[in-house]
C-alpha atoms as a PDB file:
ATOM      1  CA  UNK A   1     -17.754 -10.589 -14.174  1.00  0.00           C
ATOM      2  CA  UNK A   2     -17.673  -6.881 -13.311  1.00  0.00           C
ATOM      3  CA  UNK A   3     -15.672  -4.474 -15.442  1.00  0.00           C
ATOM      4  CA  UNK A   4     -11.970  -5.324 -15.188  1.00  0.00           C
ATOM      5  CA  UNK A   5     -10.093  -2.839 -13.034  1.00  0.00           C
ATOM      6  CA  UNK A   6      -6.621  -4.239 -13.789  1.00  0.00           C
ATOM      7  CA  UNK A   7      -5.762  -5.347 -17.314  1.00  0.00           C
ATOM      8  CA  UNK A   8      -2.536  -6.641 -18.869  1.00  0.00           C
ATOM      9  CA  UNK A   9      -1.221  -5.928 -22.353  1.00  0.00           C
ATOM     10  CA  UNK A  10       0.629  -9.134 -23.225  1.00  0.00           C
ATOM     11  CA  UNK A  11      -0.032  -9.882 -26.885  1.00  0.00           C
ATOM     12  CA  UNK A  12      -1.194  -6.622 -28.395  1.00  0.00           C
ATOM     13  CA  UNK A  13      -4.603  -6.414 -26.752  1.00  0.00           C
ATOM     14  CA  UNK A  14      -5.807  -5.920 -23.150  1.00  0.00           C
ATOM     15  CA  UNK A  15      -6.536  -9.039 -21.123  1.00  0.00           C
ATOM     16  CA  UNK A  16      -8.312  -9.334 -17.802  1.00  0.00           C
ATOM     17  CA  UNK A  17      -6.518 -10.945 -14.882  1.00  0.00           C
ATOM     18  CA  UNK A  18      -8.304 -13.690 -12.985  1.00  0.00           C
ATOM     19  CA  UNK A  19      -8.479 -13.409  -9.196  1.00  0.00           C
ATOM     20  CA  UNK A  20      -6.326 -16.534  -8.795  1.00  0.00           C
ATOM     21  CA  UNK A  21      -3.508 -15.367 -11.079  1.00  0.00           C
ATOM     22  CA  UNK A  22      -0.375 -13.577  -9.927  1.00  0.00           C
ATOM     23  CA  UNK A  23      -0.136 -10.236 -11.747  1.00  0.00           C
ATOM     24  CA  UNK A  24       3.639 -10.188 -11.286  1.00  0.00           C
ATOM     25  CA  UNK A  25       3.813 -13.733 -12.635  1.00  0.00           C
ATOM     26  CA  UNK A  26       1.688 -12.933 -15.679  1.00  0.00           C
ATOM     27  CA  UNK A  27       4.038 -10.033 -16.446  1.00  0.00           C
ATOM     28  CA  UNK A  28       7.049 -12.353 -16.413  1.00  0.00           C
ATOM     29  CA  UNK A  29       8.381 -11.888 -12.890  1.00  0.00           C
ATOM     30  CA  UNK A  30      11.065 -14.428 -12.106  1.00  0.00           C
ATOM     31  CA  UNK A  31      11.888 -16.098  -8.795  1.00  0.00           C
ATOM     32  CA  UNK A  32      13.681 -12.995  -7.465  1.00  0.00           C
ATOM     33  CA  UNK A  33      12.255 -10.436  -5.077  1.00  0.00           C
ATOM     34  CA  UNK A  34      11.796  -7.671  -7.650  1.00  0.00           C
ATOM     35  CA  UNK A  35      10.711  -4.971  -8.142  1.00  0.00           C
ATOM     36  CA  UNK A  36       9.957  -5.291 -11.844  1.00  0.00           C
ATOM     37  CA  UNK A  37       9.741  -2.222 -14.121  1.00  0.00           C
ATOM     38  CA  UNK A  38       6.201  -2.037 -15.469  1.00  0.00           C
ATOM     39  CA  UNK A  39       4.724   0.237 -18.119  1.00  0.00           C
ATOM     40  CA  UNK A  40       1.401   1.675 -17.022  1.00  0.00           C
ATOM     41  CA  UNK A  41      -1.590   3.282 -18.620  1.00  0.00           C
ATOM     42  CA  UNK A  42      -3.416   5.211 -15.895  1.00  0.00           C
ATOM     43  CA  UNK A  43      -7.040   5.348 -17.006  1.00  0.00           C
ATOM     44  CA  UNK A  44     -10.212   6.477 -15.295  1.00  0.00           C
ATOM     45  CA  UNK A  45     -10.900   3.763 -12.732  1.00  0.00           C
ATOM     46  CA  UNK A  46      -8.515   1.315 -14.417  1.00  0.00           C
ATOM     47  CA  UNK A  47      -4.895   0.265 -14.801  1.00  0.00           C
ATOM     48  CA  UNK A  48      -3.365  -1.154 -17.982  1.00  0.00           C
ATOM     49  CA  UNK A  49      -0.010  -2.856 -17.319  1.00  0.00           C
ATOM     50  CA  UNK A  50       2.689  -4.310 -19.560  1.00  0.00           C
ATOM     51  CA  UNK A  51       6.308  -5.402 -19.308  1.00  0.00           C
ATOM     52  CA  UNK A  52       6.958  -3.581 -22.604  1.00  0.00           C
ATOM     53  CA  UNK A  53       6.317  -0.008 -23.777  1.00  0.00           C
ATOM     54  CA  UNK A  54       2.979   0.527 -25.511  1.00  0.00           C
ATOM     55  CA  UNK A  55       1.058   3.474 -27.020  1.00  0.00           C
ATOM     56  CA  UNK A  56      -0.806   5.242 -24.268  1.00  0.00           C
ATOM     57  CA  UNK A  57       1.548   4.186 -21.477  1.00  0.00           C
ATOM     58  CA  UNK A  58       1.957   7.257 -19.314  1.00  0.00           C
ATOM     59  CA  UNK A  59       4.583   6.108 -16.829  1.00  0.00           C
ATOM     60  CA  UNK A  60       6.977   3.264 -15.957  1.00  0.00           C
ATOM     61  CA  UNK A  61       6.712   2.166 -12.324  1.00  0.00           C
ATOM     62  CA  UNK A  62       8.262  -0.513 -10.103  1.00  0.00           C
ATOM     63  CA  UNK A  63       5.879  -3.417  -9.438  1.00  0.00           C
ATOM     64  CA  UNK A  64       6.522  -5.482  -6.316  1.00  0.00           C
ATOM     65  CA  UNK A  65       4.978  -8.309  -4.305  1.00  0.00           C
ATOM     66  CA  UNK A  66       5.965  -9.768  -0.921  1.00  0.00           C
ATOM     67  CA  UNK A  67       8.306 -12.774  -0.914  1.00  0.00           C
ATOM     68  CA  UNK A  68       5.472 -14.814   0.625  1.00  0.00           C
ATOM     69  CA  UNK A  69       2.801 -13.724  -1.893  1.00  0.00           C
ATOM     70  CA  UNK A  70       0.142 -16.477  -1.787  1.00  0.00           C
ATOM     71  CA  UNK A  71      -0.695 -16.127  -5.491  1.00  0.00           C
ATOM     72  CA  UNK A  72       2.960 -16.659  -6.414  1.00  0.00           C
ATOM     73  CA  UNK A  73       3.082 -19.672  -4.117  1.00  0.00           C
ATOM     74  CA  UNK A  74      -0.059 -21.158  -5.657  1.00  0.00           C
ATOM     75  CA  UNK A  75       1.418 -20.660  -9.133  1.00  0.00           C
ATOM     76  CA  UNK A  76       4.499 -22.678  -8.184  1.00  0.00           C
ATOM     77  CA  UNK A  77       2.958 -25.707  -6.505  1.00  0.00           C
ATOM     78  CA  UNK A  78       0.134 -28.154  -7.167  1.00  0.00           C
ATOM     79  CA  UNK A  79      -3.051 -27.122  -5.463  1.00  0.00           C
ATOM     80  CA  UNK A  80      -4.348 -29.664  -2.971  1.00  0.00           C
ATOM     81  CA  UNK A  81      -8.062 -30.438  -2.862  1.00  0.00           C
ATOM     82  CA  UNK A  82     -10.107 -27.659  -1.331  1.00  0.00           C
ATOM     83  CA  UNK A  83      -7.917 -24.818  -2.585  1.00  0.00           C
ATOM     84  CA  UNK A  84     -10.152 -23.648  -5.397  1.00  0.00           C
ATOM     85  CA  UNK A  85     -10.222 -19.873  -5.806  1.00  0.00           C
ATOM     86  CA  UNK A  86     -12.954 -17.755  -7.435  1.00  0.00           C
ATOM     87  CA  UNK A  87     -13.058 -17.853 -11.238  1.00  0.00           C
ATOM     88  CA  UNK A  88     -15.667 -15.130 -11.719  1.00  0.00           C
ATOM     89  CA  UNK A  89     -13.656 -12.338 -10.105  1.00  0.00           C
ATOM     90  CA  UNK A  90     -10.793 -10.207 -11.311  1.00  0.00           C
ATOM     91  CA  UNK A  91      -8.049  -8.315  -9.503  1.00  0.00           C
ATOM     92  CA  UNK A  92      -9.253  -5.159  -7.755  1.00  0.00           C
ATOM     93  CA  UNK A  93      -7.627  -1.729  -7.915  1.00  0.00           C
ATOM     94  CA  UNK A  94      -6.730   0.419  -4.934  1.00  0.00           C
ATOM     95  CA  UNK A  95      -4.964   3.744  -4.550  1.00  0.00           C
ATOM     96  CA  UNK A  96      -3.003   4.867  -1.484  1.00  0.00           C
ATOM     97  CA  UNK A  97      -1.787   8.403  -0.807  1.00  0.00           C
ATOM     98  CA  UNK A  98       1.694   9.004   0.580  1.00  0.00           C
ATOM     99  CA  UNK A  99       1.005  12.509   1.915  1.00  0.00           C
ATOM    100  CA  UNK A 100       4.207  14.488   2.399  1.00  0.00           C
ATOM    101  CA  UNK A 101       4.245  17.720   4.376  1.00  0.00           C
ATOM    102  CA  UNK A 102       6.365  20.690   3.344  1.00  0.00           C
ATOM    103  CA  UNK A 103       8.844  19.726   6.082  1.00  0.00           C
ATOM    104  CA  UNK A 104       9.285  16.209   4.662  1.00  0.00           C
ATOM    105  CA  UNK A 105       7.258  13.953   6.896  1.00  0.00           C
ATOM    106  CA  UNK A 106       4.611  11.467   5.721  1.00  0.00           C
ATOM    107  CA  UNK A 107       1.266  10.477   7.229  1.00  0.00           C
ATOM    108  CA  UNK A 108       0.414   6.916   8.301  1.00  0.00           C
ATOM    109  CA  UNK A 109      -2.842   5.769   9.878  1.00  0.00           C
ATOM    110  CA  UNK A 110      -3.600   2.696  11.977  1.00  0.00           C
ATOM    111  CA  UNK A 111      -6.593   0.702  10.808  1.00  0.00           C
ATOM    112  CA  UNK A 112      -9.106  -0.150  13.526  1.00  0.00           C
ATOM    113  CA  UNK A 113      -9.163  -3.628  15.077  1.00  0.00           C
ATOM    114  CA  UNK A 114     -12.744  -4.170  13.924  1.00  0.00           C
ATOM    115  CA  UNK A 115     -12.051  -3.930  10.171  1.00  0.00           C
ATOM    116  CA  UNK A 116     -12.532  -7.167   8.258  1.00  0.00           C
ATOM    117  CA  UNK A 117      -9.389  -6.715   6.141  1.00  0.00           C
ATOM    118  CA  UNK A 118      -5.924  -5.897   7.524  1.00  0.00           C
ATOM    119  CA  UNK A 119      -7.001  -4.814  11.024  1.00  0.00           C
ATOM    120  CA  UNK A 120      -4.548  -2.963  13.278  1.00  0.00           C
ATOM    121  CA  UNK A 121      -2.066  -2.249  10.466  1.00  0.00           C
ATOM    122  CA  UNK A 122      -0.255   1.032   9.873  1.00  0.00           C
ATOM    123  CA  UNK A 123      -0.851   2.146   6.290  1.00  0.00           C
ATOM    124  CA  UNK A 124      -1.202   5.363   4.280  1.00  0.00           C
ATOM    125  CA  UNK A 125      -4.767   6.575   3.638  1.00  0.00           C
ATOM    126  CA  UNK A 126      -6.310   4.817   0.646  1.00  0.00           C
ATOM    127  CA  UNK A 127      -8.867   2.384  -0.663  1.00  0.00           C
ATOM    128  CA  UNK A 128     -10.969   1.410  -3.655  1.00  0.00           C
ATOM    129  CA  UNK A 129     -11.304   3.637  -6.706  1.00  0.00           C
ATOM    130  CA  UNK A 130     -14.728   3.912  -8.286  1.00  0.00           C
ATOM    131  CA  UNK A 131     -15.014   2.894 -11.930  1.00  0.00           C
ATOM    132  CA  UNK A 132     -15.728   6.466 -13.079  1.00  0.00           C
ATOM    133  CA  UNK A 133     -13.022   8.128 -10.943  1.00  0.00           C
ATOM    134  CA  UNK A 134      -9.643   9.432 -11.973  1.00  0.00           C
ATOM    135  CA  UNK A 135      -7.037   7.609  -9.900  1.00  0.00           C
ATOM    136  CA  UNK A 136      -5.777  10.752  -8.159  1.00  0.00           C
ATOM    137  CA  UNK A 137      -9.338  11.848  -7.388  1.00  0.00           C
ATOM    138  CA  UNK A 138     -10.090   8.468  -5.859  1.00  0.00           C
ATOM    139  CA  UNK A 139      -6.994   8.648  -3.675  1.00  0.00           C
ATOM    140  CA  UNK A 140      -7.786  12.187  -2.523  1.00  0.00           C
ATOM    141  CA  UNK A 141     -11.365  11.133  -1.738  1.00  0.00           C
ATOM    142  CA  UNK A 142     -10.070   8.277   0.415  1.00  0.00           C
ATOM    143  CA  UNK A 143      -7.643  10.679   2.126  1.00  0.00           C
ATOM    144  CA  UNK A 144     -10.561  12.962   2.980  1.00  0.00           C
ATOM    145  CA  UNK A 145     -12.857  10.118   4.104  1.00  0.00           C
ATOM    146  CA  UNK A 146     -10.237   8.637   6.439  1.00  0.00           C
ATOM    147  CA  UNK A 147      -8.397  11.705   7.741  1.00  0.00           C
ATOM    148  CA  UNK A 148     -10.698  14.652   7.087  1.00  0.00           C
ATOM    149  CA  UNK A 149      -7.961  16.356   5.059  1.00  0.00           C
ATOM    150  CA  UNK A 150      -9.044  18.168   1.905  1.00  0.00           C
ATOM    151  CA  UNK A 151      -6.210  19.511  -0.252  1.00  0.00           C
ATOM    152  CA  UNK A 152      -6.931  22.515  -2.485  1.00  0.00           C
ATOM    153  CA  UNK A 153      -5.872  21.772  -6.073  1.00  0.00           C
ATOM    154  CA  UNK A 154      -3.354  24.623  -6.150  1.00  0.00           C
ATOM    155  CA  UNK A 155      -1.627  23.632  -2.909  1.00  0.00           C
ATOM    156  CA  UNK A 156      -0.063  20.266  -3.757  1.00  0.00           C
ATOM    157  CA  UNK A 157       1.875  18.420  -6.432  1.00  0.00           C
ATOM    158  CA  UNK A 158       1.788  14.690  -7.076  1.00  0.00           C
ATOM    159  CA  UNK A 159       3.617  11.853  -8.806  1.00  0.00           C
ATOM    160  CA  UNK A 160       2.985   8.075  -9.029  1.00  0.00           C
ATOM    161  CA  UNK A 161       5.518   6.085  -6.992  1.00  0.00           C
ATOM    162  CA  UNK A 162       4.901   2.389  -7.594  1.00  0.00           C
ATOM    163  CA  UNK A 163       2.606  -0.642  -7.686  1.00  0.00           C
ATOM    164  CA  UNK A 164       2.096  -3.337  -5.064  1.00  0.00           C
ATOM    165  CA  UNK A 165       0.413  -6.720  -5.521  1.00  0.00           C
ATOM    166  CA  UNK A 166      -1.575  -7.234  -2.344  1.00  0.00           C
ATOM    167  CA  UNK A 167      -3.378 -10.276  -0.952  1.00  0.00           C
ATOM    168  CA  UNK A 168      -5.422 -10.791   2.177  1.00  0.00           C
ATOM    169  CA  UNK A 169      -4.837 -12.976   4.061  1.00  0.00           C
ATOM    170  CA  UNK A 170      -1.214 -12.171   3.174  1.00  0.00           C
ATOM    171  CA  UNK A 171       0.216 -15.678   3.699  1.00  0.00           C
ATOM    172  CA  UNK A 172      -1.032 -19.114   2.703  1.00  0.00           C
ATOM    173  CA  UNK A 173      -0.359 -20.216   6.283  1.00  0.00           C
ATOM    174  CA  UNK A 174      -3.205 -17.868   7.284  1.00  0.00           C
ATOM    175  CA  UNK A 175      -5.601 -19.438   4.787  1.00  0.00           C
ATOM    176  CA  UNK A 176      -6.547 -18.957   1.143  1.00  0.00           C
ATOM    177  CA  UNK A 177      -6.609 -15.350  -0.083  1.00  0.00           C
ATOM    178  CA  UNK A 178     -10.013 -13.686  -0.145  1.00  0.00           C
ATOM    179  CA  UNK A 179      -8.877 -10.331  -1.539  1.00  0.00           C
ATOM    180  CA  UNK A 180      -6.486  -9.526  -4.399  1.00  0.00           C
ATOM    181  CA  UNK A 181      -5.515  -5.960  -5.290  1.00  0.00           C
ATOM    182  CA  UNK A 182      -2.994  -3.956  -7.197  1.00  0.00           C
ATOM    183  CA  UNK A 183      -2.269  -0.899  -5.078  1.00  0.00           C
ATOM    184  CA  UNK A 184      -1.077   2.247  -6.823  1.00  0.00           C
ATOM    185  CA  UNK A 185       0.925   4.442  -4.453  1.00  0.00           C
ATOM    186  CA  UNK A 186       0.729   8.158  -5.242  1.00  0.00           C
ATOM    187  CA  UNK A 187       3.030  10.701  -3.617  1.00  0.00           C
ATOM    188  CA  UNK A 188       1.132  13.909  -2.841  1.00  0.00           C
ATOM    189  CA  UNK A 189       3.354  16.776  -1.672  1.00  0.00           C
ATOM    190  CA  UNK A 190       1.474  19.439   0.263  1.00  0.00           C
ATOM    191  CA  UNK A 191       2.600  23.034   0.574  1.00  0.00           C
ATOM    192  CA  UNK A 192       1.557  22.928   4.240  1.00  0.00           C
ATOM    193  CA  UNK A 193       3.733  21.870   7.154  1.00  0.00           C
ATOM    194  CA  UNK A 194       3.101  18.849   9.350  1.00  0.00           C
ATOM    195  CA  UNK A 195       1.825  21.158  12.096  1.00  0.00           C
ATOM    196  CA  UNK A 196      -0.622  22.868   9.722  1.00  0.00           C
ATOM    197  CA  UNK A 197      -1.911  19.560   8.354  1.00  0.00           C
ATOM    198  CA  UNK A 198      -2.185  17.988  11.796  1.00  0.00           C
ATOM    199  CA  UNK A 199      -4.392  20.863  12.957  1.00  0.00           C
ATOM    200  CA  UNK A 200      -6.854  19.968  10.176  1.00  0.00           C
ATOM    201  CA  UNK A 201      -6.958  16.180  10.661  1.00  0.00           C
ATOM    202  CA  UNK A 202     -10.306  14.733  11.738  1.00  0.00           C
ATOM    203  CA  UNK A 203      -9.887  10.932  11.551  1.00  0.00           C
ATOM    204  CA  UNK A 204     -12.844   8.699  10.789  1.00  0.00           C
ATOM    205  CA  UNK A 205     -13.081   6.489  13.922  1.00  0.00           C
ATOM    206  CA  UNK A 206     -14.780   3.667  12.016  1.00  0.00           C
ATOM    207  CA  UNK A 207     -11.595   3.181   9.956  1.00  0.00           C
ATOM    208  CA  UNK A 208      -8.743   4.903  11.808  1.00  0.00           C
ATOM    209  CA  UNK A 209      -7.678   4.334  15.429  1.00  0.00           C
ATOM    210  CA  UNK A 210      -4.447   6.381  15.395  1.00  0.00           C
ATOM    211  CA  UNK A 211      -2.173   8.405  13.126  1.00  0.00           C
ATOM    212  CA  UNK A 212       1.437   9.537  13.047  1.00  0.00           C
ATOM    213  CA  UNK A 213       3.996  11.364  10.920  1.00  0.00           C
ATOM    214  CA  UNK A 214       7.301   9.735   9.959  1.00  0.00           C
ATOM    215  CA  UNK A 215      10.459  11.573   8.986  1.00  0.00           C
ATOM    216  CA  UNK A 216      13.086  10.147   6.641  1.00  0.00           C
ATOM    217  CA  UNK A 217      15.304   8.578   9.331  1.00  0.00           C
ATOM    218  CA  UNK A 218      12.546   6.565  10.997  1.00  0.00           C
ATOM    219  CA  UNK A 219      10.947   5.772   7.635  1.00  0.00           C
ATOM    220  CA  UNK A 220      14.274   4.351   6.438  1.00  0.00           C
ATOM    221  CA  UNK A 221      14.471   2.068   9.469  1.00  0.00           C
ATOM    222  CA  UNK A 222      10.907   0.848   8.967  1.00  0.00           C
ATOM    223  CA  UNK A 223      11.458   0.315   5.243  1.00  0.00           C
ATOM    224  CA  UNK A 224      14.626  -1.691   5.949  1.00  0.00           C
ATOM    225  CA  UNK A 225      12.697  -4.371   7.829  1.00  0.00           C
ATOM    226  CA  UNK A 226      11.986  -6.215   4.596  1.00  0.00           C
ATOM    227  CA  UNK A 227       9.487  -8.982   5.306  1.00  0.00           C
ATOM    228  CA  UNK A 228      10.676 -12.372   4.145  1.00  0.00           C
ATOM    229  CA  UNK A 229      14.416 -11.718   4.205  1.00  0.00           C
ATOM    230  CA  UNK A 230      16.650 -14.086   6.133  1.00  0.00           C
ATOM    231  CA  UNK A 231      18.339 -11.439   8.252  1.00  0.00           C
ATOM    232  CA  UNK A 232      17.444  -7.864   9.203  1.00  0.00           C
ATOM    233  CA  UNK A 233      19.402  -5.098   7.575  1.00  0.00           C
ATOM    234  CA  UNK A 234      21.652  -2.864   9.666  1.00  0.00           C
ATOM    235  CA  UNK A 235      19.622  -0.292  11.561  1.00  0.00           C
ATOM    236  CA  UNK A 236      20.848   3.020  12.913  1.00  0.00           C
ATOM    237  CA  UNK A 237      21.734   3.013  16.592  1.00  0.00           C
ATOM    238  CA  UNK A 238      20.440   6.592  16.830  1.00  0.00           C
ATOM    239  CA  UNK A 239      16.791   5.662  16.391  1.00  0.00           C
ATOM    240  CA  UNK A 240      14.455   6.966  19.104  1.00  0.00           C
ATOM    241  CA  UNK A 241      12.901   4.323  21.391  1.00  0.00           C
ATOM    242  CA  UNK A 242       9.433   5.493  20.378  1.00  0.00           C
ATOM    243  CA  UNK A 243       7.588   7.656  17.866  1.00  0.00           C
ATOM    244  CA  UNK A 244       4.899  10.142  18.839  1.00  0.00           C
ATOM    245  CA  UNK A 245       1.463   9.263  17.478  1.00  0.00           C
ATOM    246  CA  UNK A 246      -2.093  10.384  18.197  1.00  0.00           C
ATOM    247  CA  UNK A 247      -4.588   7.737  19.324  1.00  0.00           C
ATOM    248  CA  UNK A 248      -8.359   8.134  19.176  1.00  0.00           C
ATOM    249  CA  UNK A 249     -10.349   7.486  22.355  1.00  0.00           C
ATOM    250  CA  UNK A 250     -13.754   5.867  22.704  1.00  0.00           C
ATOM    251  CA  UNK A 251     -15.367   9.155  23.762  1.00  0.00           C
ATOM    252  CA  UNK A 252     -14.312  10.846  20.519  1.00  0.00           C
ATOM    253  CA  UNK A 253     -11.258  12.558  21.957  1.00  0.00           C
ATOM    254  CA  UNK A 254      -7.606  11.941  21.197  1.00  0.00           C
ATOM    255  CA  UNK A 255      -4.471  11.466  23.241  1.00  0.00           C
ATOM    256  CA  UNK A 256      -0.747  11.373  22.511  1.00  0.00           C
ATOM    257  CA  UNK A 257       0.730   7.894  22.154  1.00  0.00           C
ATOM    258  CA  UNK A 258       4.398   6.952  22.469  1.00  0.00           C
ATOM    259  CA  UNK A 259       4.516   4.136  19.912  1.00  0.00           C
ATOM    260  CA  UNK A 260       7.509   1.813  20.559  1.00  0.00           C
ATOM    261  CA  UNK A 261       9.959   1.649  17.683  1.00  0.00           C
ATOM    262  CA  UNK A 262       9.872  -2.125  18.021  1.00  0.00           C
ATOM    263  CA  UNK A 263       6.210  -2.079  16.951  1.00  0.00           C
ATOM    264  CA  UNK A 264       7.087  -0.305  13.713  1.00  0.00           C
ATOM    265  CA  UNK A 265       9.884  -2.786  12.963  1.00  0.00           C
ATOM    266  CA  UNK A 266       7.740  -5.922  13.227  1.00  0.00           C
ATOM    267  CA  UNK A 267       7.360  -8.222  10.232  1.00  0.00           C
ATOM    268  CA  UNK A 268       4.385 -10.265   9.036  1.00  0.00           C
ATOM    269  CA  UNK A 269       3.783 -13.194  11.423  1.00  0.00           C
ATOM    270  CA  UNK A 270       3.460 -16.695  10.010  1.00  0.00           C
ATOM    271  CA  UNK A 271       0.263 -17.377  11.937  1.00  0.00           C
ATOM    272  CA  UNK A 272      -3.039 -15.524  11.808  1.00  0.00           C
ATOM    273  CA  UNK A 273      -3.104 -12.621  14.219  1.00  0.00           C
ATOM    274  CA  UNK A 274      -3.829  -8.906  14.167  1.00  0.00           C
ATOM    275  CA  UNK A 275      -0.406  -7.860  15.459  1.00  0.00           C
ATOM    276  CA  UNK A 276       0.102  -4.118  15.240  1.00  0.00           C
ATOM    277  CA  UNK A 277       2.759  -3.423  12.610  1.00  0.00           C
ATOM    278  CA  UNK A 278       3.465  -1.513   9.411  1.00  0.00           C
ATOM    279  CA  UNK A 279       2.152  -3.361   6.360  1.00  0.00           C
ATOM    280  CA  UNK A 280       4.630  -4.870   3.918  1.00  0.00           C
ATOM    281  CA  UNK A 281       3.296  -2.766   1.051  1.00  0.00           C
ATOM    282  CA  UNK A 282       3.710   0.377   3.135  1.00  0.00           C
ATOM    283  CA  UNK A 283       7.387  -0.475   3.690  1.00  0.00           C
ATOM    284  CA  UNK A 284       7.786  -0.753  -0.073  1.00  0.00           C
ATOM    285  CA  UNK A 285       6.095   2.630  -0.528  1.00  0.00           C
ATOM    286  CA  UNK A 286       8.340   4.228   2.108  1.00  0.00           C
ATOM    287  CA  UNK A 287      11.426   2.972   0.251  1.00  0.00           C
ATOM    288  CA  UNK A 288      10.101   4.551  -2.940  1.00  0.00           C
ATOM    289  CA  UNK A 289       9.409   7.810  -1.104  1.00  0.00           C
ATOM    290  CA  UNK A 290      12.962   7.916   0.258  1.00  0.00           C
ATOM    291  CA  UNK A 291      14.362   7.279  -3.235  1.00  0.00           C
ATOM    292  CA  UNK A 292      12.234  10.154  -4.522  1.00  0.00           C
ATOM    293  CA  UNK A 293      13.624  12.489  -1.837  1.00  0.00           C
ATOM    294  CA  UNK A 294      17.158  11.715  -2.985  1.00  0.00           C
ATOM    295  CA  UNK A 295      16.532  12.774  -6.598  1.00  0.00           C
END
């Protein structure tokens, strides 16, 4: 097995997490929706997690999973024949950047339809962290690779927001999970305005098909559409019918796109399809961002 990217401190020493195990479950998550406070050691290319304080823990973050997490479901029910999951793989580590402009908007990108994992989803820039990378450096590298934005070290501040247990496919009704990640969301606050940052964006068309900036009001509405709940929360009647985005064209150009608000408020479908929507983890990250703004 490759070097463990996510380890748990449960009985005084680090333990690897098998691909098939729920990280939230191993840390003692109950049947509720969470999130669960988790003590974190942020190492180069690795995460060390515990439900109790430990020497070297640098921060305590909320850890969350979707209500329909397939690993939680597999933990709670007998596995029928043919549902064997890999035993020689661990849980992977990803970092996503919630980039905030000086005028308090955040950047989301739409993944292309041709990507193998999570196509056509709106997410913040992010991806895998290399084993020898600092977590912030890995997130900033992914930001640059996907959006073309490079942030000078003296022109931003940052803080870790939270952790998300991610699976793809995201529901058992779509099939057995093939990918299992813990996503670390980092808030990066730029000293530049949305207009200044937008002028510098050069999206990578192999990964990004569109991008947009969300302000707090729209972000709150998107974050309130909690996937898996029985009834939608109350949404403001003052929401605009659409949000302005920028869509890439086949010839390398770009055009403005009026993205319907209804698209941003969609939840995860129960059947396999690449419906355009905001990912469940991104909604969690937007809630954390809004909480941070209120401090």
